[in-house]
Amino acid sequence: MKAQVFVQKLPRILRPVVRKSAYRHDPLLITSLAAFNFRPPVRLELIQVVDHYEQIIAELETPPLIIGYGFGGLMVQVLLDRGWGAAGVAIASAPVKGIARLPLSVLKLAFSVISKSHSNKTASLTAEQFHRAFTNSLTETESLDAFKRYVVPAPYRVLLQTAFANFTSDSASTVNFQNDARAPLLLVAGGQDRVVPSSLVKANFELYRESKAETDYKEFRDRTHFILGQDGWEKVADYVLGWALGRANGSKLTAASNQTDSWSVQLST
């Protein structure tokens, strides 16, 4: 999916900083189904994807920075709740179980995609839906180019399990919001996002109010759901990495906000 942009660019941005620090691993980047090379099995379920990433993390010597977008953001929250990671960032996260009132725009889009799924196995947006919901800051031509490059069908079950999580007792998107022992979490929203509006991310943030673990919220007012592919994506990457590196347990990096949307990351003396 279009989050491939961030998967390709983010590691190159971070490596010079990581090499100068005591942090030995690149961040674990989770997009919706990146682990399956954007060709996921049609019967894939959400729990299988989360478990797959957990196996990757378990083999690392140092807890990674876990950064996810969309469904990847949901997985970040689940993985942190399971005790993994030094810090986590959920960008435009798909809703976790417990958000009582999903915006009408989210429900309409979800059911529209599901209703047009292919043989109840995979689901995908149309070019028109993609432009209206994801790339609403782009021209029709720019949006179509992005659609052709990044969009592929996703497993129907993953979408369905997330949409009906509140009605499932053992939902894979369940998180213990009062977990005081988890690593720091940053929730990122786009002010122009029509898929995961900022109100949804704020509702997600509010669920963590009773936890003593650090939870932060950041909104980029001019960003759509194409937040990682829009011009100026570097501003988002800079903020996310600065926040995460500054809070990673055991890291010798310190980070201080020097502008509204950026951080200055330096080695501690």
C-alpha atoms as a PDB file:
ATOM      1  CA  MET A   1       0.000   0.000   0.000  1.00  0.00           C
ATOM      2  CA  LYS A   2       1.027   3.639  -0.195  1.00  0.00           C
ATOM      3  CA  ALA A   3       2.820   3.455   3.140  1.00  0.00           C
ATOM      4  CA  GLN A   4       5.608   1.770   1.179  1.00  0.00           C
ATOM      5  CA  VAL A   5       6.909   5.322   0.656  1.00  0.00           C
ATOM      6  CA  PHE A   6       7.724   5.623   4.347  1.00  0.00           C
ATOM      7  CA  VAL A   7       9.135   2.105   4.533  1.00  0.00           C
ATOM      8  CA  GLN A   8      11.612   2.984   1.802  1.00  0.00           C
ATOM      9  CA  LYS A   9      12.588   6.454   3.013  1.00  0.00           C
ATOM     10  CA  LEU A  10      12.520   6.300   6.792  1.00  0.00           C
ATOM     11  CA  PRO A  11      15.393   3.841   7.354  1.00  0.00           C
ATOM     12  CA  ARG A  12      17.751   5.969   5.234  1.00  0.00           C
ATOM     13  CA  ILE A  13      16.904   9.030   7.312  1.00  0.00           C
ATOM     14  CA  LEU A  14      17.465   7.288  10.610  1.00  0.00           C
ATOM     15  CA  ARG A  15      20.623   5.257   9.966  1.00  0.00           C
ATOM     16  CA  PRO A  16      23.131   8.150  10.330  1.00  0.00           C
ATOM     17  CA  VAL A  17      21.627   8.990  13.735  1.00  0.00           C
ATOM     18  CA  VAL A  18      21.442   5.369  14.844  1.00  0.00           C
ATOM     19  CA  ARG A  19      25.071   4.679  13.927  1.00  0.00           C
ATOM     20  CA  LYS A  20      26.223   7.529  16.191  1.00  0.00           C
ATOM     21  CA  SER A  21      24.198   6.282  19.131  1.00  0.00           C
ATOM     22  CA  ALA A  22      24.143   3.241  21.353  1.00  0.00           C
ATOM     23  CA  TYR A  23      21.001   2.089  19.548  1.00  0.00           C
ATOM     24  CA  ARG A  24      22.006  -0.922  17.471  1.00  0.00           C
ATOM     25  CA  HIS A  25      18.859  -1.637  15.463  1.00  0.00           C
ATOM     26  CA  ASP A  26      16.915   0.231  12.821  1.00  0.00           C
ATOM     27  CA  PRO A  27      13.293   0.811  13.806  1.00  0.00           C
ATOM     28  CA  LEU A  28      10.744  -1.887  13.094  1.00  0.00           C
ATOM     29  CA  LEU A  29       8.424  -0.309  10.539  1.00  0.00           C
ATOM     30  CA  ILE A  30       4.916  -1.705  10.308  1.00  0.00           C
ATOM     31  CA  THR A  31       2.605  -0.773   7.460  1.00  0.00           C
ATOM     32  CA  SER A  32      -0.652  -2.578   6.987  1.00  0.00           C
ATOM     33  CA  LEU A  33       0.780  -5.805   5.570  1.00  0.00           C
ATOM     34  CA  ALA A  34       4.416  -4.968   4.807  1.00  0.00           C
ATOM     35  CA  ALA A  35       5.684  -8.263   6.164  1.00  0.00           C
ATOM     36  CA  PHE A  36       3.934 -10.071   3.343  1.00  0.00           C
ATOM     37  CA  ASN A  37       5.390  -7.969   0.506  1.00  0.00           C
ATOM     38  CA  PHE A  38       1.976  -6.484  -0.265  1.00  0.00           C
ATOM     39  CA  ARG A  39       0.731  -9.886  -1.528  1.00  0.00           C
ATOM     40  CA  PRO A  40      -0.980 -11.224   1.598  1.00  0.00           C
ATOM     41  CA  PRO A  41      -2.796 -14.552   1.758  1.00  0.00           C
ATOM     42  CA  VAL A  42      -6.497 -13.907   1.233  1.00  0.00           C
ATOM     43  CA  ARG A  43      -7.441 -15.743   4.442  1.00  0.00           C
ATOM     44  CA  LEU A  44      -4.937 -13.844   6.562  1.00  0.00           C
ATOM     45  CA  GLU A  45      -6.229 -12.649   9.934  1.00  0.00           C
ATOM     46  CA  LEU A  46      -5.138  -9.718  12.071  1.00  0.00           C
ATOM     47  CA  ILE A  47      -3.792 -11.901  14.871  1.00  0.00           C
ATOM     48  CA  GLN A  48      -1.496 -13.690  12.409  1.00  0.00           C
ATOM     49  CA  VAL A  49       0.081 -10.422  11.299  1.00  0.00           C
ATOM     50  CA  VAL A  50       0.620  -9.232  14.887  1.00  0.00           C
ATOM     51  CA  ASP A  51       2.121 -12.582  15.880  1.00  0.00           C
ATOM     52  CA  HIS A  52       4.428 -12.436  12.854  1.00  0.00           C
ATOM     53  CA  TYR A  53       5.882  -9.096  13.956  1.00  0.00           C
ATOM     54  CA  GLU A  54       6.161 -10.346  17.528  1.00  0.00           C
ATOM     55  CA  GLN A  55       8.363 -13.203  16.306  1.00  0.00           C
ATOM     56  CA  ILE A  56      10.605 -10.713  14.505  1.00  0.00           C
ATOM     57  CA  ILE A  57      10.959  -8.546  17.616  1.00  0.00           C
ATOM     58  CA  ALA A  58      11.628 -11.537  19.868  1.00  0.00           C
ATOM     59  CA  GLU A  59      14.748 -12.354  17.834  1.00  0.00           C
ATOM     60  CA  LEU A  60      16.278  -8.892  18.280  1.00  0.00           C
ATOM     61  CA  GLU A  61      18.947  -8.270  20.908  1.00  0.00           C
ATOM     62  CA  THR A  62      17.792  -4.712  21.546  1.00  0.00           C
ATOM     63  CA  PRO A  63      14.159  -3.540  21.860  1.00  0.00           C
ATOM     64  CA  PRO A  64      13.289  -1.706  18.612  1.00  0.00           C
ATOM     65  CA  LEU A  65      11.439   1.500  17.968  1.00  0.00           C
ATOM     66  CA  ILE A  66       8.111   0.249  16.599  1.00  0.00           C
ATOM     67  CA  ILE A  67       6.514   2.623  14.086  1.00  0.00           C
ATOM     68  CA  GLY A  68       3.259   1.753  12.333  1.00  0.00           C
ATOM     69  CA  TYR A  69       0.801   3.367   9.962  1.00  0.00           C
ATOM     70  CA  GLY A  70      -2.877   2.564   9.483  1.00  0.00           C
ATOM     71  CA  PHE A  71      -3.397  -1.045  10.548  1.00  0.00           C
ATOM     72  CA  GLY A  72       0.287  -0.959  11.454  1.00  0.00           C
ATOM     73  CA  GLY A  73      -0.526   1.692  14.060  1.00  0.00           C
ATOM     74  CA  LEU A  74      -3.067  -0.645  15.606  1.00  0.00           C
ATOM     75  CA  MET A  75      -0.419  -3.378  15.685  1.00  0.00           C
ATOM     76  CA  VAL A  76       2.035  -1.016  17.389  1.00  0.00           C
ATOM     77  CA  GLN A  77      -0.425  -0.536  20.225  1.00  0.00           C
ATOM     78  CA  VAL A  78      -1.011  -4.274  20.587  1.00  0.00           C
ATOM     79  CA  LEU A  79       2.723  -5.060  20.512  1.00  0.00           C
ATOM     80  CA  LEU A  80       3.528  -2.410  23.116  1.00  0.00           C
ATOM     81  CA  ASP A  81       0.769  -3.800  25.309  1.00  0.00           C
ATOM     82  CA  ARG A  82       2.381  -7.232  24.991  1.00  0.00           C
ATOM     83  CA  GLY A  83       5.583  -5.755  26.417  1.00  0.00           C
ATOM     84  CA  TRP A  84       7.639  -5.291  23.259  1.00  0.00           C
ATOM     85  CA  GLY A  85       9.557  -2.262  21.988  1.00  0.00           C
ATOM     86  CA  ALA A  86      11.520   0.618  23.487  1.00  0.00           C
ATOM     87  CA  ALA A  87       8.984   3.146  22.181  1.00  0.00           C
ATOM     88  CA  GLY A  88       6.123   3.079  19.700  1.00  0.00           C
ATOM     89  CA  VAL A  89       4.521   5.446  17.221  1.00  0.00           C
ATOM     90  CA  ALA A  90       1.064   4.850  15.728  1.00  0.00           C
ATOM     91  CA  ILE A  91       0.430   7.058  12.691  1.00  0.00           C
ATOM     92  CA  ALA A  92      -3.202   7.457  11.587  1.00  0.00           C
ATOM     93  CA  SER A  93      -3.913   4.243  13.455  1.00  0.00           C
ATOM     94  CA  ALA A  94      -6.807   1.979  12.600  1.00  0.00           C
ATOM     95  CA  PRO A  95      -9.180   1.902  15.598  1.00  0.00           C
ATOM     96  CA  VAL A  96      -8.419  -0.395  18.511  1.00  0.00           C
ATOM     97  CA  LYS A  97     -11.239  -2.141  20.318  1.00  0.00           C
ATOM     98  CA  GLY A  98     -12.920   0.206  22.762  1.00  0.00           C
ATOM     99  CA  ILE A  99     -13.530   3.325  20.696  1.00  0.00           C
ATOM    100  CA  ALA A 100     -17.282   3.548  21.179  1.00  0.00           C
ATOM    101  CA  ARG A 101     -18.284   5.959  18.444  1.00  0.00           C
ATOM    102  CA  LEU A 102     -16.602   5.589  15.083  1.00  0.00           C
ATOM    103  CA  PRO A 103     -17.130   8.602  12.779  1.00  0.00           C
ATOM    104  CA  LEU A 104     -19.773   8.115  10.091  1.00  0.00           C
ATOM    105  CA  SER A 105     -17.174   8.759   7.377  1.00  0.00           C
ATOM    106  CA  VAL A 106     -15.112   5.814   8.650  1.00  0.00           C
ATOM    107  CA  LEU A 107     -18.095   3.453   8.737  1.00  0.00           C
ATOM    108  CA  LYS A 108     -19.272   4.489   5.262  1.00  0.00           C
ATOM    109  CA  LEU A 109     -15.828   3.912   3.777  1.00  0.00           C
ATOM    110  CA  ALA A 110     -15.355   0.565   5.526  1.00  0.00           C
ATOM    111  CA  PHE A 111     -18.712  -0.844   4.425  1.00  0.00           C
ATOM    112  CA  SER A 112     -18.271   0.542   0.923  1.00  0.00           C
ATOM    113  CA  VAL A 113     -14.960  -1.280   0.551  1.00  0.00           C
ATOM    114  CA  ILE A 114     -16.261  -4.485   2.119  1.00  0.00           C
ATOM    115  CA  SER A 115     -19.388  -4.499  -0.066  1.00  0.00           C
ATOM    116  CA  LYS A 116     -17.214  -4.417  -3.173  1.00  0.00           C
ATOM    117  CA  SER A 117     -14.774  -7.083  -1.972  1.00  0.00           C
ATOM    118  CA  HIS A 118     -13.656  -9.764  -4.386  1.00  0.00           C
ATOM    119  CA  SER A 119     -15.389 -13.042  -3.583  1.00  0.00           C
ATOM    120  CA  ASN A 120     -15.329 -12.118   0.125  1.00  0.00           C
ATOM    121  CA  LYS A 121     -11.566 -12.770   0.167  1.00  0.00           C
ATOM    122  CA  THR A 122      -9.923  -9.428  -0.551  1.00  0.00           C
ATOM    123  CA  ALA A 123     -11.064  -5.817  -0.536  1.00  0.00           C
ATOM    124  CA  SER A 124      -9.743  -2.669  -2.170  1.00  0.00           C
ATOM    125  CA  LEU A 125     -10.586   0.955  -2.771  1.00  0.00           C
ATOM    126  CA  THR A 126     -11.536   2.259  -6.189  1.00  0.00           C
ATOM    127  CA  ALA A 127      -9.493   5.097  -7.668  1.00  0.00           C
ATOM    128  CA  GLU A 128     -12.348   7.482  -6.881  1.00  0.00           C
ATOM    129  CA  GLN A 129     -12.571   6.335  -3.246  1.00  0.00           C
ATOM    130  CA  PHE A 130      -8.820   6.618  -2.879  1.00  0.00           C
ATOM    131  CA  HIS A 131      -8.835  10.218  -4.127  1.00  0.00           C
ATOM    132  CA  ARG A 132     -11.796  11.226  -2.003  1.00  0.00           C
ATOM    133  CA  ALA A 133     -10.616   9.591   1.224  1.00  0.00           C
ATOM    134  CA  PHE A 134      -6.827   9.191   1.075  1.00  0.00           C
ATOM    135  CA  THR A 135      -5.335  11.768  -1.288  1.00  0.00           C
ATOM    136  CA  ASN A 136      -7.818  14.624  -0.970  1.00  0.00           C
ATOM    137  CA  SER A 137      -4.995  17.187  -1.156  1.00  0.00           C
ATOM    138  CA  LEU A 138      -3.790  15.922  -4.559  1.00  0.00           C
ATOM    139  CA  THR A 139      -5.081  16.596  -8.060  1.00  0.00           C
ATOM    140  CA  GLU A 140      -7.011  13.830  -9.792  1.00  0.00           C
ATOM    141  CA  THR A 141      -3.973  12.986 -11.928  1.00  0.00           C
ATOM    142  CA  GLU A 142      -1.594  12.905  -8.957  1.00  0.00           C
ATOM    143  CA  SER A 143      -4.006  10.745  -6.996  1.00  0.00           C
ATOM    144  CA  LEU A 144      -4.417   8.282  -9.866  1.00  0.00           C
ATOM    145  CA  ASP A 145      -0.635   7.932 -10.136  1.00  0.00           C
ATOM    146  CA  ALA A 146      -0.405   7.205  -6.412  1.00  0.00           C
ATOM    147  CA  PHE A 147      -3.307   4.760  -6.654  1.00  0.00           C
ATOM    148  CA  LYS A 148      -1.643   2.776  -9.440  1.00  0.00           C
ATOM    149  CA  ARG A 149       1.657   2.684  -7.574  1.00  0.00           C
ATOM    150  CA  TYR A 150       0.623   1.799  -4.047  1.00  0.00           C
ATOM    151  CA  VAL A 151      -2.858   0.311  -3.750  1.00  0.00           C
ATOM    152  CA  VAL A 152      -3.350  -3.469  -3.680  1.00  0.00           C
ATOM    153  CA  PRO A 153      -6.255  -5.552  -2.325  1.00  0.00           C
ATOM    154  CA  ALA A 154      -6.150  -6.372   1.392  1.00  0.00           C
ATOM    155  CA  PRO A 155      -7.504  -9.452   3.188  1.00  0.00           C
ATOM    156  CA  TYR A 156     -11.229  -9.070   3.755  1.00  0.00           C
ATOM    157  CA  ARG A 157     -10.998 -10.721   7.183  1.00  0.00           C
ATOM    158  CA  VAL A 158      -8.599  -8.112   8.572  1.00  0.00           C
ATOM    159  CA  LEU A 159     -10.958  -5.282   7.630  1.00  0.00           C
ATOM    160  CA  LEU A 160     -13.986  -7.129   8.953  1.00  0.00           C
ATOM    161  CA  GLN A 161     -12.319  -8.077  12.255  1.00  0.00           C
ATOM    162  CA  THR A 162     -11.335  -4.467  12.880  1.00  0.00           C
ATOM    163  CA  ALA A 163     -14.712  -3.032  11.917  1.00  0.00           C
ATOM    164  CA  PHE A 164     -16.558  -5.351  14.319  1.00  0.00           C
ATOM    165  CA  ALA A 165     -13.952  -5.483  17.094  1.00  0.00           C
ATOM    166  CA  ASN A 166     -16.298  -3.960  19.662  1.00  0.00           C
ATOM    167  CA  PHE A 167     -18.676  -6.873  19.183  1.00  0.00           C
ATOM    168  CA  THR A 168     -16.034  -9.595  19.507  1.00  0.00           C
ATOM    169  CA  SER A 169     -14.941 -10.761  22.961  1.00  0.00           C
ATOM    170  CA  ASP A 170     -11.512 -12.015  21.875  1.00  0.00           C
ATOM    171  CA  SER A 171     -10.724  -9.393  19.258  1.00  0.00           C
ATOM    172  CA  ALA A 172      -7.069  -9.205  18.144  1.00  0.00           C
ATOM    173  CA  SER A 173      -7.275  -5.401  18.410  1.00  0.00           C
ATOM    174  CA  THR A 174      -7.827  -5.526  22.169  1.00  0.00           C
ATOM    175  CA  VAL A 175      -5.425  -3.420  24.247  1.00  0.00           C
ATOM    176  CA  ASN A 176      -5.109  -3.013  28.012  1.00  0.00           C
ATOM    177  CA  PHE A 177      -5.314   0.779  28.224  1.00  0.00           C
ATOM    178  CA  GLN A 178      -4.330   0.748  31.908  1.00  0.00           C
ATOM    179  CA  ASN A 179      -1.046  -1.057  31.302  1.00  0.00           C
ATOM    180  CA  ASP A 180       1.463   1.029  33.284  1.00  0.00           C
ATOM    181  CA  ALA A 181       4.459  -1.056  32.218  1.00  0.00           C
ATOM    182  CA  ARG A 182       4.346  -0.581  28.443  1.00  0.00           C
ATOM    183  CA  ALA A 183       6.835   1.555  26.513  1.00  0.00           C
ATOM    184  CA  PRO A 184       6.036   5.199  25.582  1.00  0.00           C
ATOM    185  CA  LEU A 185       3.475   5.653  22.797  1.00  0.00           C
ATOM    186  CA  LEU A 186       2.928   8.533  20.377  1.00  0.00           C
ATOM    187  CA  LEU A 187      -0.362   8.782  18.466  1.00  0.00           C
ATOM    188  CA  VAL A 188      -0.123  10.863  15.271  1.00  0.00           C
ATOM    189  CA  ALA A 189      -3.107  12.348  13.419  1.00  0.00           C
ATOM    190  CA  GLY A 190      -3.662  14.318  10.241  1.00  0.00           C
ATOM    191  CA  GLY A 191      -5.985  17.300  10.453  1.00  0.00           C
ATOM    192  CA  GLN A 192      -7.317  16.679   6.926  1.00  0.00           C
ATOM    193  CA  ASP A 193      -7.523  12.887   7.260  1.00  0.00           C
ATOM    194  CA  ARG A 194     -10.874  11.512   6.064  1.00  0.00           C
ATOM    195  CA  VAL A 195     -10.118   7.858   6.800  1.00  0.00           C
ATOM    196  CA  VAL A 196      -8.825   8.180  10.353  1.00  0.00           C
ATOM    197  CA  PRO A 197      -9.924  11.699  11.349  1.00  0.00           C
ATOM    198  CA  SER A 198      -8.164  13.430  14.212  1.00  0.00           C
ATOM    199  CA  SER A 199     -11.280  12.956  16.365  1.00  0.00           C
ATOM    200  CA  LEU A 200     -10.767   9.193  16.133  1.00  0.00           C
ATOM    201  CA  VAL A 201      -7.096   9.443  17.119  1.00  0.00           C
ATOM    202  CA  LYS A 202      -7.999  11.750  20.012  1.00  0.00           C
ATOM    203  CA  ALA A 203     -10.596   9.221  21.193  1.00  0.00           C
ATOM    204  CA  ASN A 204      -7.879   6.567  21.053  1.00  0.00           C
ATOM    205  CA  PHE A 205      -5.584   8.827  23.083  1.00  0.00           C
ATOM    206  CA  GLU A 206      -8.245   9.433  25.723  1.00  0.00           C
ATOM    207  CA  LEU A 207      -8.535   5.690  26.356  1.00  0.00           C
ATOM    208  CA  TYR A 208      -5.004   5.747  27.797  1.00  0.00           C
ATOM    209  CA  ARG A 209      -5.746   8.508  30.319  1.00  0.00           C
ATOM    210  CA  GLU A 210      -5.638   6.181  33.333  1.00  0.00           C
ATOM    211  CA  SER A 211      -2.309   4.610  32.402  1.00  0.00           C
ATOM    212  CA  LYS A 212       0.882   5.859  34.046  1.00  0.00           C
ATOM    213  CA  ALA A 213       2.840   4.932  30.928  1.00  0.00           C
ATOM    214  CA  GLU A 214       3.692   7.901  28.715  1.00  0.00           C
ATOM    215  CA  THR A 215       1.199   8.549  25.925  1.00  0.00           C
ATOM    216  CA  ASP A 216       1.477  11.587  23.632  1.00  0.00           C
ATOM    217  CA  TYR A 217      -0.659  13.015  20.857  1.00  0.00           C
ATOM    218  CA  LYS A 218       0.521  14.974  17.822  1.00  0.00           C
ATOM    219  CA  GLU A 219      -1.632  16.428  15.045  1.00  0.00           C
ATOM    220  CA  PHE A 220      -0.341  17.718  11.716  1.00  0.00           C
ATOM    221  CA  ARG A 221      -3.174  20.001  10.677  1.00  0.00           C
ATOM    222  CA  ASP A 222      -2.457  20.022   6.927  1.00  0.00           C
ATOM    223  CA  ARG A 223      -1.934  16.265   6.557  1.00  0.00           C
ATOM    224  CA  THR A 224      -4.375  13.835   4.928  1.00  0.00           C
ATOM    225  CA  HIS A 225      -4.423  10.034   5.259  1.00  0.00           C
ATOM    226  CA  PHE A 226      -1.674  10.112   2.628  1.00  0.00           C
ATOM    227  CA  ILE A 227       0.457  11.631   5.387  1.00  0.00           C
ATOM    228  CA  LEU A 228       3.525   9.581   4.468  1.00  0.00           C
ATOM    229  CA  GLY A 229       3.367  10.347   0.762  1.00  0.00           C
ATOM    230  CA  GLN A 230       2.433  14.027   0.757  1.00  0.00           C
ATOM    231  CA  ASP A 231       5.009  16.682  -0.054  1.00  0.00           C
ATOM    232  CA  GLY A 232       6.708  17.571   3.201  1.00  0.00           C
ATOM    233  CA  TRP A 233       6.609  14.010   4.566  1.00  0.00           C
ATOM    234  CA  GLU A 234      10.083  14.728   5.968  1.00  0.00           C
ATOM    235  CA  LYS A 235       8.523  16.981   8.615  1.00  0.00           C
ATOM    236  CA  VAL A 236       6.466  14.055   9.881  1.00  0.00           C
ATOM    237  CA  ALA A 237       9.459  11.698   9.792  1.00  0.00           C
ATOM    238  CA  ASP A 238      11.643  14.192  11.666  1.00  0.00           C
ATOM    239  CA  TYR A 239       9.090  14.645  14.430  1.00  0.00           C
ATOM    240  CA  VAL A 240       8.356  10.937  14.790  1.00  0.00           C
ATOM    241  CA  LEU A 241      12.010   9.928  14.936  1.00  0.00           C
ATOM    242  CA  GLY A 242      12.941  12.725  17.310  1.00  0.00           C
ATOM    243  CA  TRP A 243      10.163  11.772  19.683  1.00  0.00           C
ATOM    244  CA  ALA A 244      10.910   8.042  19.535  1.00  0.00           C
ATOM    245  CA  LEU A 245      14.665   8.340  19.926  1.00  0.00           C
ATOM    246  CA  GLY A 246      14.247  10.714  22.835  1.00  0.00           C
ATOM    247  CA  ARG A 247      12.110   8.230  24.727  1.00  0.00           C
ATOM    248  CA  ALA A 248      13.648   4.875  23.850  1.00  0.00           C
ATOM    249  CA  ASN A 249      14.578   3.023  27.026  1.00  0.00           C
ATOM    250  CA  GLY A 250      18.340   2.743  27.352  1.00  0.00           C
ATOM    251  CA  SER A 251      19.059   5.139  24.504  1.00  0.00           C
ATOM    252  CA  LYS A 252      21.781   7.725  24.969  1.00  0.00           C
ATOM    253  CA  LEU A 253      19.931  10.169  22.756  1.00  0.00           C
ATOM    254  CA  THR A 254      18.131  13.232  24.022  1.00  0.00           C
ATOM    255  CA  ALA A 255      15.503  15.086  22.028  1.00  0.00           C
ATOM    256  CA  ALA A 256      14.050  18.541  22.511  1.00  0.00           C
ATOM    257  CA  SER A 257      11.346  20.206  20.473  1.00  0.00           C
ATOM    258  CA  ASN A 258      12.871  23.186  18.665  1.00  0.00           C
ATOM    259  CA  GLN A 259       9.882  23.985  16.451  1.00  0.00           C
ATOM    260  CA  THR A 260       6.221  23.086  16.348  1.00  0.00           C
ATOM    261  CA  ASP A 261       6.796  20.112  14.057  1.00  0.00           C
ATOM    262  CA  SER A 262      10.430  19.105  14.561  1.00  0.00           C
ATOM    263  CA  TRP A 263      12.938  17.853  17.075  1.00  0.00           C
ATOM    264  CA  SER A 264      16.639  18.357  17.664  1.00  0.00           C
ATOM    265  CA  VAL A 265      18.241  15.008  18.400  1.00  0.00           C
ATOM    266  CA  GLN A 266      21.719  15.001  19.925  1.00  0.00           C
ATOM    267  CA  LEU A 267      24.008  12.580  21.722  1.00  0.00           C
ATOM    268  CA  SER A 268      24.116  12.908  25.490  1.00  0.00           C
ATOM    269  CA  THR A 269      27.520  13.821  26.900  1.00  0.00           C
END
